């Protein structure tokens, strides 16, 4: 776990997701302590998945807010 620029602890994990429109998106999500990547999908909360350092066919280094209802599958890379 690292401390980000604002002093908050960050623990980024790389994931790949596939959306309902057929897009494949690679990026990172920030986990809190005692959290798994699957918790983003199985535990209620925000309807959006926030991804950083995103790589898509349109470019790299973006931040995306993806509606969870439009995710077909997700694969953690760790």
PDB file of N, CA and C in Angstrom:
ATOM      1  N   UNK A   1       0.836  -1.166   0.000  1.00  0.00           N
ATOM      2  CA  UNK A   1       0.000   0.000   0.000  1.00  0.00           C
ATOM      3  C   UNK A   1       0.886   1.237   0.000  1.00  0.00           C
ATOM      4  N   UNK A   2       0.523   2.216  -0.821  1.00  0.00           N
ATOM      5  CA  UNK A   2       1.308   3.434  -0.929  1.00  0.00           C
ATOM      6  C   UNK A   2       0.472   4.625  -0.496  1.00  0.00           C
ATOM      7  N   UNK A   3       1.135   5.707  -0.131  1.00  0.00           N
ATOM      8  CA  UNK A   3       0.435   6.948   0.138  1.00  0.00           C
ATOM      9  C   UNK A   3       0.453   7.795  -1.115  1.00  0.00           C
ATOM     10  N   UNK A   4      -0.738   8.214  -1.549  1.00  0.00           N
ATOM     11  CA  UNK A   4      -0.852   9.047  -2.742  1.00  0.00           C
ATOM     12  C   UNK A   4      -0.429  10.478  -2.451  1.00  0.00           C
ATOM     13  N   UNK A   5      -0.564  11.335  -3.436  1.00  0.00           N
ATOM     14  CA  UNK A   5      -0.165  12.734  -3.302  1.00  0.00           C
ATOM     15  C   UNK A   5      -0.955  13.457  -2.225  1.00  0.00           C
ATOM     16  N   UNK A   6      -2.196  13.042  -1.988  1.00  0.00           N
ATOM     17  CA  UNK A   6      -3.044  13.714  -1.014  1.00  0.00           C
ATOM     18  C   UNK A   6      -2.939  13.095   0.384  1.00  0.00           C
ATOM     19  N   UNK A   7      -2.070  12.118   0.577  1.00  0.00           N
ATOM     20  CA  UNK A   7      -1.874  11.512   1.875  1.00  0.00           C
ATOM     21  C   UNK A   7      -2.743  10.291   2.137  1.00  0.00           C
ATOM     22  N   UNK A   8      -3.666   9.969   1.244  1.00  0.00           N
ATOM     23  CA  UNK A   8      -4.516   8.797   1.408  1.00  0.00           C
ATOM     24  C   UNK A   8      -3.771   7.549   0.940  1.00  0.00           C
ATOM     25  N   UNK A   9      -4.021   6.450   1.614  1.00  0.00           N
ATOM     26  CA  UNK A   9      -3.398   5.177   1.229  1.00  0.00           C
ATOM     27  C   UNK A   9      -4.034   4.673  -0.059  1.00  0.00           C
ATOM     28  N   UNK A  10      -3.208   4.192  -0.972  1.00  0.00           N
ATOM     29  CA  UNK A  10      -3.701   3.636  -2.225  1.00  0.00           C
ATOM     30  C   UNK A  10      -3.164   2.230  -2.412  1.00  0.00           C
ATOM     31  N   UNK A  11      -4.000   1.381  -2.970  1.00  0.00           N
ATOM     32  CA  UNK A  11      -3.615   0.007  -3.275  1.00  0.00           C
ATOM     33  C   UNK A  11      -4.255  -0.337  -4.613  1.00  0.00           C
ATOM     34  N   UNK A  12      -3.569  -0.012  -5.698  1.00  0.00           N
ATOM     35  CA  UNK A  12      -4.125  -0.206  -7.034  1.00  0.00           C
ATOM     36  C   UNK A  12      -3.913  -1.629  -7.510  1.00  0.00           C
ATOM     37  N   UNK A  13      -4.962  -2.190  -8.138  1.00  0.00           N
ATOM     38  CA  UNK A  13      -4.910  -3.513  -8.743  1.00  0.00           C
ATOM     39  C   UNK A  13      -5.312  -3.397 -10.204  1.00  0.00           C
ATOM     40  N   UNK A  14      -4.575  -4.070 -11.053  1.00  0.00           N
ATOM     41  CA  UNK A  14      -4.869  -4.056 -12.483  1.00  0.00           C
ATOM     42  C   UNK A  14      -6.004  -5.018 -12.796  1.00  0.00           C
ATOM     43  N   UNK A  15      -6.950  -4.554 -13.637  1.00  0.00           N
ATOM     44  CA  UNK A  15      -8.049  -5.396 -14.080  1.00  0.00           C
ATOM     45  C   UNK A  15      -8.318  -5.154 -15.562  1.00  0.00           C
ATOM     46  N   UNK A  16      -8.981  -6.117 -16.168  1.00  0.00           N
ATOM     47  CA  UNK A  16      -9.479  -5.989 -17.528  1.00  0.00           C
ATOM     48  C   UNK A  16     -10.975  -6.241 -17.474  1.00  0.00           C
ATOM     49  N   UNK A  17     -11.756  -5.373 -18.138  1.00  0.00           N
ATOM     50  CA  UNK A  17     -13.201  -5.581 -18.193  1.00  0.00           C
ATOM     51  C   UNK A  17     -13.661  -5.583 -19.645  1.00  0.00           C
ATOM     52  N   UNK A  18     -14.781  -6.247 -19.869  1.00  0.00           N
ATOM     53  CA  UNK A  18     -15.433  -6.260 -21.177  1.00  0.00           C
ATOM     54  C   UNK A  18     -16.810  -5.657 -20.976  1.00  0.00           C
ATOM     55  N   UNK A  19     -17.196  -4.701 -21.824  1.00  0.00           N
ATOM     56  CA  UNK A  19     -18.480  -4.033 -21.688  1.00  0.00           C
ATOM     57  C   UNK A  19     -19.490  -4.586 -22.690  1.00  0.00           C
ATOM     58  N   UNK A  20     -20.746  -4.237 -22.489  1.00  0.00           N
ATOM     59  CA  UNK A  20     -21.821  -4.748 -23.336  1.00  0.00           C
ATOM     60  C   UNK A  20     -21.694  -4.307 -24.788  1.00  0.00           C
ATOM     61  N   UNK A  21     -20.968  -3.226 -25.057  1.00  0.00           N
ATOM     62  CA  UNK A  21     -20.782  -2.793 -26.449  1.00  0.00           C
ATOM     63  C   UNK A  21     -19.581  -3.475 -27.104  1.00  0.00           C
ATOM     64  N   UNK A  22     -18.940  -4.397 -26.379  1.00  0.00           N
ATOM     65  CA  UNK A  22     -17.822  -5.160 -26.917  1.00  0.00           C
ATOM     66  C   UNK A  22     -16.453  -4.577 -26.642  1.00  0.00           C
ATOM     67  N   UNK A  23     -16.385  -3.454 -25.953  1.00  0.00           N
ATOM     68  CA  UNK A  23     -15.105  -2.826 -25.639  1.00  0.00           C
ATOM     69  C   UNK A  23     -14.368  -3.603 -24.554  1.00  0.00           C
ATOM     70  N   UNK A  24     -13.065  -3.715 -24.709  1.00  0.00           N
ATOM     71  CA  UNK A  24     -12.213  -4.286 -23.672  1.00  0.00           C
ATOM     72  C   UNK A  24     -11.394  -3.144 -23.088  1.00  0.00           C
ATOM     73  N   UNK A  25     -11.425  -3.024 -21.768  1.00  0.00           N
ATOM     74  CA  UNK A  25     -10.775  -1.904 -21.086  1.00  0.00           C
ATOM     75  C   UNK A  25      -9.811  -2.458 -20.055  1.00  0.00           C
ATOM     76  N   UNK A  26      -8.568  -1.998 -20.101  1.00  0.00           N
ATOM     77  CA  UNK A  26      -7.546  -2.355 -19.115  1.00  0.00           C
ATOM     78  C   UNK A  26      -7.291  -1.126 -18.249  1.00  0.00           C
ATOM     79  N   UNK A  27      -7.170  -1.337 -16.957  1.00  0.00           N
ATOM     80  CA  UNK A  27      -6.899  -0.223 -16.066  1.00  0.00           C
ATOM     81  C   UNK A  27      -6.664  -0.709 -14.651  1.00  0.00           C
ATOM     82  N   UNK A  28      -6.733   0.229 -13.716  1.00  0.00           N
ATOM     83  CA  UNK A  28      -6.494  -0.086 -12.308  1.00  0.00           C
ATOM     84  C   UNK A  28      -7.642   0.436 -11.461  1.00  0.00           C
ATOM     85  N   UNK A  29      -7.944  -0.296 -10.393  1.00  0.00           N
ATOM     86  CA  UNK A  29      -8.926   0.143  -9.404  1.00  0.00           C
ATOM     87  C   UNK A  29      -8.224   0.233  -8.057  1.00  0.00           C
ATOM     88  N   UNK A  30      -8.679   1.144  -7.216  1.00  0.00           N
ATOM     89  CA  UNK A  30      -8.082   1.352  -5.902  1.00  0.00           C
ATOM     90  C   UNK A  30      -8.873   0.579  -4.859  1.00  0.00           C
ATOM     91  N   UNK A  31      -8.208  -0.337  -4.183  1.00  0.00           N
ATOM     92  CA  UNK A  31      -8.845  -1.129  -3.139  1.00  0.00           C
ATOM     93  C   UNK A  31      -8.614  -0.491  -1.778  1.00  0.00           C
ATOM     94  N   UNK A  32      -9.590  -0.649  -0.900  1.00  0.00           N
ATOM     95  CA  UNK A  32      -9.396  -0.235   0.483  1.00  0.00           C
ATOM     96  C   UNK A  32      -8.848  -1.437   1.245  1.00  0.00           C
ATOM     97  N   UNK A  33      -8.504  -1.253   2.486  1.00  0.00           N
ATOM     98  CA  UNK A  33      -7.966  -2.374   3.260  1.00  0.00           C
ATOM     99  C   UNK A  33      -9.009  -3.476   3.375  1.00  0.00           C
ATOM    100  N   UNK A  34      -8.558  -4.693   3.322  1.00  0.00           N
ATOM    101  CA  UNK A  34      -9.420  -5.869   3.436  1.00  0.00           C
ATOM    102  C   UNK A  34     -10.459  -5.973   2.329  1.00  0.00           C
ATOM    103  N   UNK A  35     -10.185  -5.412   1.150  1.00  0.00           N
ATOM    104  CA  UNK A  35     -11.118  -5.459   0.029  1.00  0.00           C
ATOM    105  C   UNK A  35     -10.509  -6.247  -1.123  1.00  0.00           C
ATOM    106  N   UNK A  36     -11.353  -6.962  -1.847  1.00  0.00           N
ATOM    107  CA  UNK A  36     -10.924  -7.710  -3.016  1.00  0.00           C
ATOM    108  C   UNK A  36     -11.537  -7.073  -4.255  1.00  0.00           C
ATOM    109  N   UNK A  37     -11.001  -7.377  -5.422  1.00  0.00           N
ATOM    110  CA  UNK A  37     -11.551  -6.846  -6.666  1.00  0.00           C
ATOM    111  C   UNK A  37     -13.007  -7.270  -6.817  1.00  0.00           C
ATOM    112  N   UNK A  38     -13.326  -8.492  -6.459  1.00  0.00           N
ATOM    113  CA  UNK A  38     -14.709  -8.973  -6.595  1.00  0.00           C
ATOM    114  C   UNK A  38     -15.692  -8.174  -5.748  1.00  0.00           C
ATOM    115  N   UNK A  39     -15.225  -7.553  -4.666  1.00  0.00           N
ATOM    116  CA  UNK A  39     -16.098  -6.749  -3.815  1.00  0.00           C
ATOM    117  C   UNK A  39     -16.700  -5.561  -4.567  1.00  0.00           C
ATOM    118  N   UNK A  40     -16.018  -5.069  -5.591  1.00  0.00           N
ATOM    119  CA  UNK A  40     -16.560  -3.972  -6.386  1.00  0.00           C
ATOM    120  C   UNK A  40     -17.865  -4.373  -7.067  1.00  0.00           C
ATOM    121  N   UNK A  41     -18.025  -5.657  -7.334  1.00  0.00           N
ATOM    122  CA  UNK A  41     -19.179  -6.132  -8.084  1.00  0.00           C
ATOM    123  C   UNK A  41     -20.227  -6.810  -7.216  1.00  0.00           C
ATOM    124  N   UNK A  42     -19.819  -7.403  -6.106  1.00  0.00           N
ATOM    125  CA  UNK A  42     -20.756  -8.174  -5.291  1.00  0.00           C
ATOM    126  C   UNK A  42     -21.354  -7.399  -4.133  1.00  0.00           C
ATOM    127  N   UNK A  43     -20.697  -6.360  -3.700  1.00  0.00           N
ATOM    128  CA  UNK A  43     -21.205  -5.574  -2.583  1.00  0.00           C
ATOM    129  C   UNK A  43     -21.795  -4.279  -3.110  1.00  0.00           C
ATOM    130  N   UNK A  44     -22.971  -3.951  -2.617  1.00  0.00           N
ATOM    131  CA  UNK A  44     -23.675  -2.755  -3.080  1.00  0.00           C
ATOM    132  C   UNK A  44     -22.870  -1.504  -2.762  1.00  0.00           C
ATOM    133  N   UNK A  45     -23.110  -0.503  -3.499  1.00  0.00           N
ATOM    134  CA  UNK A  45     -22.415   0.769  -3.334  1.00  0.00           C
ATOM    135  C   UNK A  45     -22.684   1.606  -4.550  1.00  0.00           C
ATOM    136  N   UNK A  46     -21.692   2.252  -5.012  1.00  0.00           N
ATOM    137  CA  UNK A  46     -21.820   3.089  -6.198  1.00  0.00           C
ATOM    138  C   UNK A  46     -22.147   2.238  -7.421  1.00  0.00           C
ATOM    139  N   UNK A  47     -22.996   2.746  -8.315  1.00  0.00           N
ATOM    140  CA  UNK A  47     -23.281   2.004  -9.548  1.00  0.00           C
ATOM    141  C   UNK A  47     -22.141   2.095 -10.559  1.00  0.00           C
ATOM    142  N   UNK A  48     -21.090   2.828 -10.217  1.00  0.00           N
ATOM    143  CA  UNK A  48     -19.977   3.024 -11.138  1.00  0.00           C
ATOM    144  C   UNK A  48     -18.679   2.422 -10.601  1.00  0.00           C
ATOM    145  N   UNK A  49     -17.892   1.904 -11.515  1.00  0.00           N
ATOM    146  CA  UNK A  49     -16.545   1.417 -11.226  1.00  0.00           C
ATOM    147  C   UNK A  49     -15.582   2.488 -11.709  1.00  0.00           C
ATOM    148  N   UNK A  50     -14.725   2.984 -10.837  1.00  0.00           N
ATOM    149  CA  UNK A  50     -13.767   4.025 -11.201  1.00  0.00           C
ATOM    150  C   UNK A  50     -12.439   3.362 -11.527  1.00  0.00           C
ATOM    151  N   UNK A  51     -11.951   3.602 -12.742  1.00  0.00           N
ATOM    152  CA  UNK A  51     -10.692   3.017 -13.202  1.00  0.00           C
ATOM    153  C   UNK A  51      -9.715   4.134 -13.560  1.00  0.00           C
ATOM    154  N   UNK A  52      -8.443   3.948 -13.212  1.00  0.00           N
ATOM    155  CA  UNK A  52      -7.391   4.912 -13.541  1.00  0.00           C
ATOM    156  C   UNK A  52      -6.346   4.226 -14.413  1.00  0.00           C
ATOM    157  N   UNK A  53      -5.489   5.015 -15.031  1.00  0.00           N
ATOM    158  CA  UNK A  53      -4.457   4.500 -15.942  1.00  0.00           C
ATOM    159  C   UNK A  53      -5.070   3.559 -16.984  1.00  0.00           C
ATOM    160  N   UNK A  54      -6.207   3.970 -17.522  1.00  0.00           N
ATOM    161  CA  UNK A  54      -6.975   3.142 -18.452  1.00  0.00           C
ATOM    162  C   UNK A  54      -6.334   3.124 -19.832  1.00  0.00           C
ATOM    163  N   UNK A  55      -6.339   1.925 -20.418  1.00  0.00           N
ATOM    164  CA  UNK A  55      -5.874   1.739 -21.793  1.00  0.00           C
ATOM    165  C   UNK A  55      -7.053   1.198 -22.603  1.00  0.00           C
ATOM    166  N   UNK A  56      -7.436   1.936 -23.645  1.00  0.00           N
ATOM    167  CA  UNK A  56      -8.489   1.504 -24.558  1.00  0.00           C
ATOM    168  C   UNK A  56      -7.979   1.679 -25.979  1.00  0.00           C
ATOM    169  N   UNK A  57      -8.814   1.356 -26.951  1.00  0.00           N
ATOM    170  CA  UNK A  57      -8.432   1.561 -28.349  1.00  0.00           C
ATOM    171  C   UNK A  57      -8.288   3.045 -28.662  1.00  0.00           C
ATOM    172  N   UNK A  58      -8.872   3.920 -27.824  1.00  0.00           N
ATOM    173  CA  UNK A  58      -8.832   5.362 -28.050  1.00  0.00           C
ATOM    174  C   UNK A  58      -7.670   6.072 -27.364  1.00  0.00           C
ATOM    175  N   UNK A  59      -6.899   5.363 -26.581  1.00  0.00           N
ATOM    176  CA  UNK A  59      -5.765   6.007 -25.919  1.00  0.00           C
ATOM    177  C   UNK A  59      -5.436   5.375 -24.585  1.00  0.00           C
ATOM    178  N   UNK A  60      -4.512   6.025 -23.887  1.00  0.00           N
ATOM    179  CA  UNK A  60      -4.045   5.498 -22.603  1.00  0.00           C
ATOM    180  C   UNK A  60      -3.941   6.610 -21.571  1.00  0.00           C
ATOM    181  N   UNK A  61      -3.913   6.210 -20.297  1.00  0.00           N
ATOM    182  CA  UNK A  61      -3.719   7.151 -19.211  1.00  0.00           C
ATOM    183  C   UNK A  61      -4.972   7.887 -18.788  1.00  0.00           C
ATOM    184  N   UNK A  62      -6.134   7.399 -19.182  1.00  0.00           N
ATOM    185  CA  UNK A  62      -7.386   8.074 -18.863  1.00  0.00           C
ATOM    186  C   UNK A  62      -7.950   7.589 -17.535  1.00  0.00           C
ATOM    187  N   UNK A  63      -8.931   8.337 -17.027  1.00  0.00           N
ATOM    188  CA  UNK A  63      -9.723   7.929 -15.880  1.00  0.00           C
ATOM    189  C   UNK A  63     -11.140   7.710 -16.398  1.00  0.00           C
ATOM    190  N   UNK A  64     -11.720   6.538 -16.108  1.00  0.00           N
ATOM    191  CA  UNK A  64     -13.070   6.229 -16.572  1.00  0.00           C
ATOM    192  C   UNK A  64     -13.971   5.862 -15.406  1.00  0.00           C
ATOM    193  N   UNK A  65     -15.223   6.270 -15.513  1.00  0.00           N
ATOM    194  CA  UNK A  65     -16.286   5.857 -14.610  1.00  0.00           C
ATOM    195  C   UNK A  65     -17.180   4.950 -15.440  1.00  0.00           C
ATOM    196  N   UNK A  66     -17.173   3.650 -15.140  1.00  0.00           N
ATOM    197  CA  UNK A  66     -17.903   2.669 -15.944  1.00  0.00           C
ATOM    198  C   UNK A  66     -19.130   2.209 -15.160  1.00  0.00           C
ATOM    199  N   UNK A  67     -20.297   2.277 -15.812  1.00  0.00           N
ATOM    200  CA  UNK A  67     -21.525   1.801 -15.189  1.00  0.00           C
ATOM    201  C   UNK A  67     -21.432   0.283 -15.045  1.00  0.00           C
ATOM    202  N   UNK A  68     -21.570  -0.225 -13.830  1.00  0.00           N
ATOM    203  CA  UNK A  68     -21.421  -1.655 -13.561  1.00  0.00           C
ATOM    204  C   UNK A  68     -22.443  -2.499 -14.317  1.00  0.00           C
ATOM    205  N   UNK A  69     -23.597  -1.925 -14.642  1.00  0.00           N
ATOM    206  CA  UNK A  69     -24.622  -2.670 -15.369  1.00  0.00           C
ATOM    207  C   UNK A  69     -24.202  -2.980 -16.799  1.00  0.00           C
ATOM    208  N   UNK A  70     -23.159  -2.318 -17.286  1.00  0.00           N
ATOM    209  CA  UNK A  70     -22.699  -2.513 -18.652  1.00  0.00           C
ATOM    210  C   UNK A  70     -21.421  -3.346 -18.735  1.00  0.00           C
ATOM    211  N   UNK A  71     -21.061  -3.991 -17.621  1.00  0.00           N
ATOM    212  CA  UNK A  71     -19.873  -4.841 -17.602  1.00  0.00           C
ATOM    213  C   UNK A  71     -20.311  -6.295 -17.769  1.00  0.00           C
ATOM    214  N   UNK A  72     -19.748  -6.956 -18.785  1.00  0.00           N
ATOM    215  CA  UNK A  72     -20.064  -8.353 -19.063  1.00  0.00           C
ATOM    216  C   UNK A  72     -19.196  -9.264 -18.207  1.00  0.00           C
ATOM    217  N   UNK A  73     -17.887  -8.998 -18.157  1.00  0.00           N
ATOM    218  CA  UNK A  73     -16.993  -9.761 -17.309  1.00  0.00           C
ATOM    219  C   UNK A  73     -15.841  -8.880 -16.867  1.00  0.00           C
ATOM    220  N   UNK A  74     -15.185  -9.305 -15.797  1.00  0.00           N
ATOM    221  CA  UNK A  74     -14.014  -8.606 -15.273  1.00  0.00           C
ATOM    222  C   UNK A  74     -12.978  -9.645 -14.860  1.00  0.00           C
ATOM    223  N   UNK A  75     -11.718  -9.324 -15.114  1.00  0.00           N
ATOM    224  CA  UNK A  75     -10.646 -10.253 -14.782  1.00  0.00           C
ATOM    225  C   UNK A  75      -9.514  -9.507 -14.074  1.00  0.00           C
ATOM    226  N   UNK A  76      -9.261  -9.825 -12.805  1.00  0.00           N
ATOM    227  CA  UNK A  76      -8.109  -9.231 -12.122  1.00  0.00           C
ATOM    228  C   UNK A  76      -6.821  -9.819 -12.687  1.00  0.00           C
ATOM    229  N   UNK A  77      -5.785  -9.015 -12.758  1.00  0.00           N
ATOM    230  CA  UNK A  77      -4.527  -9.490 -13.336  1.00  0.00           C
ATOM    231  C   UNK A  77      -3.531  -9.960 -12.298  1.00  0.00           C
ATOM    232  N   UNK A  78      -3.896  -9.903 -11.028  1.00  0.00           N
ATOM    233  CA  UNK A  78      -2.987 -10.362  -9.956  1.00  0.00           C
ATOM    234  C   UNK A  78      -3.308 -11.765  -9.542  1.00  0.00           C
TER     235      UNK A  78
END
